[in-house]
Amino acid sequence: MSKELIESKYLKKRERFNVGDTVKVYVKIFEGKKERIQSFLGIVIAKKGKGISETFTVYRNAYGSSMERVFLLNSPQITKIEVQKLGKVKKAKLYHLRGEKGKKAKIKEKLSFAKKDVIKEQQESEIK
C-alpha cells in the first residue's frame, strides 16, 4: 500500500481558505467527561505541510492580549471551519502581524463577485 492511499482515508473535505483570510475554527474541548465546542476567530498567518500533516496558524489580538494557535487541518477535534472574510495579501507568511494593533494589524478584504453585487444593490437602494 502506498502512503497516499493510506492517508486518503483520513483526509477531510474542508472549506478552502488561504493565508490572510479571517476564519472561525470550531474545536472540540474535553473537560473531564464533558465535551463542548469552542470557537476561535482569527487571521490565518501561515499554512505548512501537505496531506495528512497539513497545519495552519491562526492569530488573534483581542482585548489587549494576543493569541496564536496552530491547528492540524485534518484533526478529528476540528468540527468546522468557517471563512468570515477573504484577505488580500502578497506574502505566504504573515508573521509581521504579531504584536501589531489597530490599523497596522488590518488586512485588506478581497471582494468576491457575489459580495460586489450585494454592495452595488445596497448602494443603489440608498440612492433611491
N, C-alpha and C. Protein backbone atom coordinates (compact mmCIF):
# COMPACT_ATOMS: atom_id res chain seq x y z
N MET A 1 0.83 -1.19 0.00
CA MET A 1 0.00 0.00 0.00
C MET A 1 0.87 1.25 0.00
N SER A 2 0.47 2.22 -0.78
CA SER A 2 1.25 3.44 -0.83
C SER A 2 0.81 4.39 0.29
N LYS A 3 1.70 5.33 0.58
CA LYS A 3 1.44 6.31 1.63
C LYS A 3 0.20 7.15 1.31
N GLU A 4 0.04 7.54 0.03
CA GLU A 4 -1.09 8.38 -0.38
C GLU A 4 -2.42 7.65 -0.19
N LEU A 5 -2.43 6.35 -0.45
CA LEU A 5 -3.65 5.56 -0.31
C LEU A 5 -4.07 5.48 1.15
N ILE A 6 -3.11 5.29 2.04
CA ILE A 6 -3.40 5.21 3.47
C ILE A 6 -3.88 6.57 3.98
N GLU A 7 -3.20 7.64 3.56
CA GLU A 7 -3.56 8.98 4.02
C GLU A 7 -4.93 9.42 3.51
N SER A 8 -5.31 8.98 2.33
CA SER A 8 -6.58 9.41 1.73
C SER A 8 -7.79 9.04 2.60
N LYS A 9 -7.66 8.00 3.41
CA LYS A 9 -8.76 7.60 4.31
C LYS A 9 -9.01 8.66 5.37
N TYR A 10 -7.95 9.36 5.79
CA TYR A 10 -8.04 10.28 6.92
C TYR A 10 -8.16 11.74 6.51
N LEU A 11 -8.03 12.04 5.23
CA LEU A 11 -8.18 13.42 4.76
C LEU A 11 -9.65 13.82 4.82
N LYS A 12 -9.89 15.05 5.23
CA LYS A 12 -11.26 15.54 5.36
C LYS A 12 -11.54 16.61 4.32
N LYS A 13 -12.77 16.69 3.89
CA LYS A 13 -13.19 17.73 2.97
C LYS A 13 -13.48 18.99 3.80
N ARG A 14 -12.69 20.01 3.61
CA ARG A 14 -12.84 21.25 4.36
C ARG A 14 -13.05 22.40 3.39
N GLU A 15 -13.61 23.48 3.91
CA GLU A 15 -13.76 24.69 3.11
C GLU A 15 -12.37 25.25 2.83
N ARG A 16 -12.14 25.67 1.59
CA ARG A 16 -10.82 26.18 1.21
C ARG A 16 -10.62 27.58 1.77
N PHE A 17 -9.42 27.82 2.27
CA PHE A 17 -9.04 29.14 2.74
C PHE A 17 -7.55 29.31 2.52
N ASN A 18 -7.11 30.57 2.52
CA ASN A 18 -5.71 30.88 2.28
C ASN A 18 -5.16 31.75 3.40
N VAL A 19 -3.87 32.02 3.33
CA VAL A 19 -3.24 32.92 4.28
C VAL A 19 -3.83 34.31 4.09
N GLY A 20 -4.16 34.98 5.20
CA GLY A 20 -4.77 36.31 5.14
C GLY A 20 -6.26 36.29 5.36
N ASP A 21 -6.88 35.13 5.24
CA ASP A 21 -8.33 35.03 5.45
C ASP A 21 -8.65 35.03 6.94
N THR A 22 -9.79 35.60 7.29
CA THR A 22 -10.28 35.55 8.66
C THR A 22 -11.19 34.33 8.77
N VAL A 23 -10.83 33.42 9.67
CA VAL A 23 -11.58 32.17 9.80
C VAL A 23 -12.07 31.99 11.23
N LYS A 24 -13.14 31.23 11.35
CA LYS A 24 -13.67 30.83 12.65
C LYS A 24 -13.55 29.32 12.72
N VAL A 25 -12.73 28.84 13.65
CA VAL A 25 -12.46 27.41 13.79
C VAL A 25 -13.23 26.89 15.00
N TYR A 26 -14.02 25.86 14.78
CA TYR A 26 -14.78 25.24 15.87
C TYR A 26 -14.03 24.00 16.32
N VAL A 27 -13.63 23.98 17.61
CA VAL A 27 -12.79 22.91 18.15
C VAL A 27 -13.50 22.23 19.31
N LYS A 28 -13.39 20.89 19.35
CA LYS A 28 -13.94 20.14 20.47
C LYS A 28 -12.99 20.27 21.66
N ILE A 29 -13.55 20.61 22.82
CA ILE A 29 -12.78 20.72 24.05
C ILE A 29 -13.32 19.68 25.03
N PHE A 30 -12.41 18.89 25.60
CA PHE A 30 -12.79 17.85 26.55
C PHE A 30 -12.41 18.31 27.96
N GLU A 31 -13.42 18.40 28.84
CA GLU A 31 -13.20 18.78 30.23
C GLU A 31 -13.75 17.66 31.11
N GLY A 32 -12.87 16.81 31.56
CA GLY A 32 -13.30 15.65 32.33
C GLY A 32 -14.09 14.72 31.44
N LYS A 33 -15.34 14.46 31.80
CA LYS A 33 -16.21 13.61 30.99
C LYS A 33 -17.06 14.42 30.01
N LYS A 34 -17.04 15.74 30.19
CA LYS A 34 -17.86 16.60 29.34
C LYS A 34 -17.11 17.00 28.08
N GLU A 35 -17.88 17.26 27.05
CA GLU A 35 -17.33 17.68 25.77
C GLU A 35 -18.13 18.89 25.28
N ARG A 36 -17.40 19.92 24.82
CA ARG A 36 -18.09 21.10 24.29
C ARG A 36 -17.33 21.60 23.07
N ILE A 37 -17.97 22.48 22.31
CA ILE A 37 -17.35 23.05 21.12
C ILE A 37 -17.05 24.52 21.39
N GLN A 38 -15.79 24.90 21.15
CA GLN A 38 -15.35 26.28 21.36
C GLN A 38 -14.89 26.85 20.03
N SER A 39 -15.23 28.10 19.77
CA SER A 39 -14.82 28.72 18.51
C SER A 39 -13.60 29.60 18.73
N PHE A 40 -12.76 29.71 17.71
CA PHE A 40 -11.57 30.55 17.74
C PHE A 40 -11.56 31.35 16.45
N LEU A 41 -11.73 32.66 16.55
CA LEU A 41 -11.79 33.55 15.39
C LEU A 41 -10.48 34.29 15.25
N GLY A 42 -9.90 34.28 14.07
CA GLY A 42 -8.65 34.99 13.86
C GLY A 42 -8.22 34.97 12.40
N ILE A 43 -7.03 35.53 12.15
CA ILE A 43 -6.47 35.62 10.81
C ILE A 43 -5.48 34.49 10.61
N VAL A 44 -5.57 33.81 9.48
CA VAL A 44 -4.61 32.75 9.16
C VAL A 44 -3.31 33.43 8.76
N ILE A 45 -2.24 33.19 9.54
CA ILE A 45 -0.97 33.84 9.23
C ILE A 45 0.02 32.88 8.58
N ALA A 46 -0.26 31.57 8.60
CA ALA A 46 0.66 30.62 7.97
C ALA A 46 -0.05 29.31 7.69
N LYS A 47 0.40 28.64 6.63
CA LYS A 47 -0.02 27.27 6.31
C LYS A 47 1.25 26.48 6.03
N LYS A 48 1.32 25.27 6.56
CA LYS A 48 2.52 24.44 6.37
C LYS A 48 2.12 23.01 6.09
N GLY A 49 3.00 22.30 5.42
CA GLY A 49 2.82 20.87 5.19
C GLY A 49 1.83 20.58 4.09
N LYS A 50 1.63 19.28 3.88
CA LYS A 50 0.64 18.84 2.91
C LYS A 50 0.15 17.46 3.31
N GLY A 51 -0.96 17.08 2.74
CA GLY A 51 -1.52 15.77 3.06
C GLY A 51 -2.11 15.75 4.45
N ILE A 52 -1.87 14.65 5.15
CA ILE A 52 -2.49 14.47 6.47
C ILE A 52 -1.85 15.35 7.54
N SER A 53 -0.62 15.79 7.33
CA SER A 53 0.09 16.57 8.34
C SER A 53 0.04 18.08 8.06
N GLU A 54 -0.93 18.54 7.28
CA GLU A 54 -1.04 19.96 6.98
C GLU A 54 -1.54 20.73 8.19
N THR A 55 -0.86 21.84 8.50
CA THR A 55 -1.24 22.68 9.64
C THR A 55 -1.47 24.11 9.18
N PHE A 56 -2.21 24.86 10.00
CA PHE A 56 -2.39 26.28 9.75
C PHE A 56 -2.37 27.01 11.08
N THR A 57 -1.84 28.22 11.07
CA THR A 57 -1.70 29.02 12.28
C THR A 57 -2.69 30.17 12.22
N VAL A 58 -3.45 30.34 13.30
CA VAL A 58 -4.45 31.39 13.38
C VAL A 58 -4.02 32.36 14.49
N TYR A 59 -4.00 33.65 14.16
CA TYR A 59 -3.58 34.69 15.09
C TYR A 59 -4.75 35.60 15.41
N ARG A 60 -4.82 35.99 16.68
CA ARG A 60 -5.93 36.83 17.12
C ARG A 60 -5.42 37.80 18.18
N ASN A 61 -5.81 39.06 18.06
CA ASN A 61 -5.49 40.06 19.06
C ASN A 61 -6.80 40.60 19.59
N ALA A 62 -7.14 40.25 20.83
CA ALA A 62 -8.42 40.67 21.40
C ALA A 62 -8.22 41.15 22.83
N TYR A 63 -8.85 42.26 23.15
CA TYR A 63 -8.83 42.82 24.50
C TYR A 63 -7.40 43.04 25.01
N GLY A 64 -6.50 43.44 24.12
CA GLY A 64 -5.13 43.75 24.52
C GLY A 64 -4.20 42.58 24.65
N SER A 65 -4.68 41.37 24.44
CA SER A 65 -3.80 40.21 24.53
C SER A 65 -3.82 39.45 23.20
N SER A 66 -2.65 38.98 22.81
CA SER A 66 -2.52 38.26 21.55
C SER A 66 -2.52 36.77 21.79
N MET A 67 -3.16 36.06 20.88
CA MET A 67 -3.20 34.60 20.96
C MET A 67 -2.87 34.04 19.59
N GLU A 68 -2.20 32.92 19.59
CA GLU A 68 -1.85 32.27 18.34
C GLU A 68 -2.02 30.77 18.57
N ARG A 69 -2.71 30.12 17.65
CA ARG A 69 -2.91 28.67 17.77
C ARG A 69 -2.58 28.00 16.47
N VAL A 70 -1.94 26.85 16.59
CA VAL A 70 -1.63 26.03 15.42
C VAL A 70 -2.61 24.86 15.42
N PHE A 71 -3.31 24.70 14.31
CA PHE A 71 -4.30 23.64 14.18
C PHE A 71 -3.85 22.63 13.13
N LEU A 72 -4.11 21.37 13.37
CA LEU A 72 -3.92 20.33 12.38
C LEU A 72 -5.18 20.29 11.53
N LEU A 73 -5.03 20.50 10.22
CA LEU A 73 -6.19 20.67 9.34
C LEU A 73 -7.12 19.45 9.36
N ASN A 74 -6.56 18.26 9.41
CA ASN A 74 -7.37 17.04 9.34
C ASN A 74 -7.65 16.42 10.71
N SER A 75 -7.52 17.21 11.76
CA SER A 75 -7.75 16.71 13.11
C SER A 75 -9.22 16.39 13.35
N PRO A 76 -9.50 15.30 14.06
CA PRO A 76 -10.90 15.00 14.39
C PRO A 76 -11.49 15.97 15.42
N GLN A 77 -10.62 16.74 16.12
CA GLN A 77 -11.11 17.72 17.10
C GLN A 77 -11.72 18.95 16.42
N ILE A 78 -11.35 19.22 15.18
CA ILE A 78 -11.92 20.35 14.46
C ILE A 78 -13.23 19.91 13.82
N THR A 79 -14.32 20.54 14.25
CA THR A 79 -15.62 20.15 13.72
C THR A 79 -15.98 20.93 12.46
N LYS A 80 -15.61 22.23 12.43
CA LYS A 80 -15.99 23.06 11.29
C LYS A 80 -15.04 24.24 11.18
N ILE A 81 -14.81 24.69 9.94
CA ILE A 81 -14.03 25.90 9.69
C ILE A 81 -14.88 26.80 8.79
N GLU A 82 -15.17 28.01 9.27
CA GLU A 82 -15.95 28.98 8.50
C GLU A 82 -15.05 30.13 8.08
N VAL A 83 -15.09 30.49 6.82
CA VAL A 83 -14.34 31.64 6.34
C VAL A 83 -15.23 32.88 6.49
N GLN A 84 -14.77 33.84 7.30
CA GLN A 84 -15.54 35.06 7.54
C GLN A 84 -15.23 36.12 6.49
N LYS A 85 -13.93 36.34 6.21
CA LYS A 85 -13.51 37.34 5.23
C LYS A 85 -12.37 36.76 4.40
N LEU A 86 -12.30 37.17 3.15
CA LEU A 86 -11.19 36.79 2.29
C LEU A 86 -10.17 37.92 2.33
N GLY A 87 -8.93 37.59 2.66
CA GLY A 87 -7.88 38.60 2.77
C GLY A 87 -7.11 38.77 1.48
N LYS A 88 -6.67 39.99 1.22
CA LYS A 88 -5.89 40.29 0.03
C LYS A 88 -4.46 40.55 0.49
N VAL A 89 -3.59 39.55 0.33
CA VAL A 89 -2.21 39.65 0.80
C VAL A 89 -1.24 39.28 -0.31
N LYS A 90 0.02 39.68 -0.13
CA LYS A 90 1.06 39.39 -1.11
C LYS A 90 2.12 38.44 -0.58
N LYS A 91 2.01 38.04 0.68
CA LYS A 91 3.02 37.18 1.28
C LYS A 91 2.41 35.85 1.69
N ALA A 92 3.26 34.83 1.77
CA ALA A 92 2.80 33.50 2.15
C ALA A 92 2.74 33.34 3.66
N LYS A 93 3.56 34.09 4.39
CA LYS A 93 3.56 34.04 5.85
C LYS A 93 3.39 35.46 6.37
N LEU A 94 2.47 35.65 7.30
CA LEU A 94 2.17 36.98 7.83
C LEU A 94 2.64 37.12 9.27
N TYR A 95 3.86 36.69 9.54
CA TYR A 95 4.39 36.76 10.90
C TYR A 95 4.57 38.20 11.37
N HIS A 96 4.64 39.15 10.44
CA HIS A 96 4.82 40.54 10.81
C HIS A 96 3.59 41.12 11.55
N LEU A 97 2.47 40.40 11.54
CA LEU A 97 1.27 40.87 12.25
C LEU A 97 1.38 40.66 13.75
N ARG A 98 2.28 39.81 14.18
CA ARG A 98 2.42 39.54 15.61
C ARG A 98 2.76 40.81 16.37
N GLY A 99 1.98 41.08 17.40
CA GLY A 99 2.24 42.24 18.24
C GLY A 99 1.71 43.56 17.71
N GLU A 100 1.15 43.57 16.51
CA GLU A 100 0.62 44.81 15.94
C GLU A 100 -0.81 45.03 16.42
N LYS A 101 -1.19 46.30 16.51
CA LYS A 101 -2.54 46.66 16.94
C LYS A 101 -3.15 47.64 15.95
N GLY A 102 -4.45 47.76 15.98
CA GLY A 102 -5.15 48.77 15.20
C GLY A 102 -4.98 48.63 13.71
N LYS A 103 -4.69 49.77 13.04
CA LYS A 103 -4.60 49.79 11.59
C LYS A 103 -3.46 48.95 11.06
N LYS A 104 -2.36 48.87 11.80
CA LYS A 104 -1.20 48.10 11.35
C LYS A 104 -1.52 46.61 11.23
N ALA A 105 -2.47 46.15 12.01
CA ALA A 105 -2.83 44.73 12.02
C ALA A 105 -3.94 44.40 11.04
N LYS A 106 -4.42 45.40 10.30
CA LYS A 106 -5.52 45.16 9.37
C LYS A 106 -5.03 44.58 8.06
N ILE A 107 -5.89 43.81 7.43
CA ILE A 107 -5.63 43.23 6.11
C ILE A 107 -6.77 43.66 5.20
N LYS A 108 -6.43 44.07 3.99
CA LYS A 108 -7.46 44.47 3.04
C LYS A 108 -8.32 43.27 2.68
N GLU A 109 -9.60 43.54 2.47
CA GLU A 109 -10.53 42.46 2.14
C GLU A 109 -10.64 42.30 0.64
N LYS A 110 -10.58 41.05 0.20
CA LYS A 110 -10.76 40.73 -1.21
C LYS A 110 -12.26 40.55 -1.44
N LEU A 111 -12.81 41.34 -2.33
CA LEU A 111 -14.24 41.25 -2.60
C LEU A 111 -14.49 40.23 -3.69
N SER A 112 -15.35 39.28 -3.41
CA SER A 112 -15.73 38.30 -4.43
C SER A 112 -16.84 38.90 -5.28
N PHE A 113 -17.14 38.25 -6.38
CA PHE A 113 -18.18 38.75 -7.28
C PHE A 113 -19.53 38.84 -6.59
N ALA A 114 -19.86 37.87 -5.76
CA ALA A 114 -21.15 37.87 -5.07
C ALA A 114 -21.24 39.06 -4.11
N LYS A 115 -20.15 39.34 -3.38
CA LYS A 115 -20.17 40.46 -2.45
C LYS A 115 -20.26 41.78 -3.18
N LYS A 116 -19.59 41.88 -4.32
CA LYS A 116 -19.64 43.11 -5.10
C LYS A 116 -21.07 43.40 -5.55
N ASP A 117 -21.80 42.35 -5.96
CA ASP A 117 -23.19 42.52 -6.38
C ASP A 117 -24.06 43.00 -5.22
N VAL A 118 -23.85 42.44 -4.03
CA VAL A 118 -24.62 42.83 -2.85
C VAL A 118 -24.34 44.28 -2.51
N ILE A 119 -23.07 44.69 -2.58
CA ILE A 119 -22.70 46.07 -2.27
C ILE A 119 -23.33 47.03 -3.28
N LYS A 120 -23.31 46.66 -4.57
CA LYS A 120 -23.94 47.50 -5.59
C LYS A 120 -25.43 47.66 -5.32
N GLU A 121 -26.10 46.56 -4.95
CA GLU A 121 -27.53 46.62 -4.66
C GLU A 121 -27.81 47.54 -3.48
N GLN A 122 -26.96 47.48 -2.44
CA GLN A 122 -27.13 48.33 -1.27
C GLN A 122 -26.95 49.79 -1.64
N GLN A 123 -25.94 50.08 -2.46
CA GLN A 123 -25.69 51.45 -2.87
C GLN A 123 -26.85 51.98 -3.72
N GLU A 124 -27.37 51.14 -4.62
CA GLU A 124 -28.50 51.55 -5.46
C GLU A 124 -29.75 51.83 -4.63
N SER A 125 -29.97 50.99 -3.61
CA SER A 125 -31.15 51.20 -2.76
C SER A 125 -31.01 52.45 -1.91
N GLU A 126 -29.77 52.81 -1.53
CA GLU A 126 -29.55 54.04 -0.75
C GLU A 126 -29.80 55.27 -1.61
N ILE A 127 -29.47 55.17 -2.90
CA ILE A 127 -29.66 56.30 -3.81
C ILE A 127 -31.14 56.58 -4.02
N LYS A 128 -31.97 55.54 -4.10
CA LYS A 128 -33.41 55.68 -4.35
C LYS A 128 -34.14 56.27 -3.21
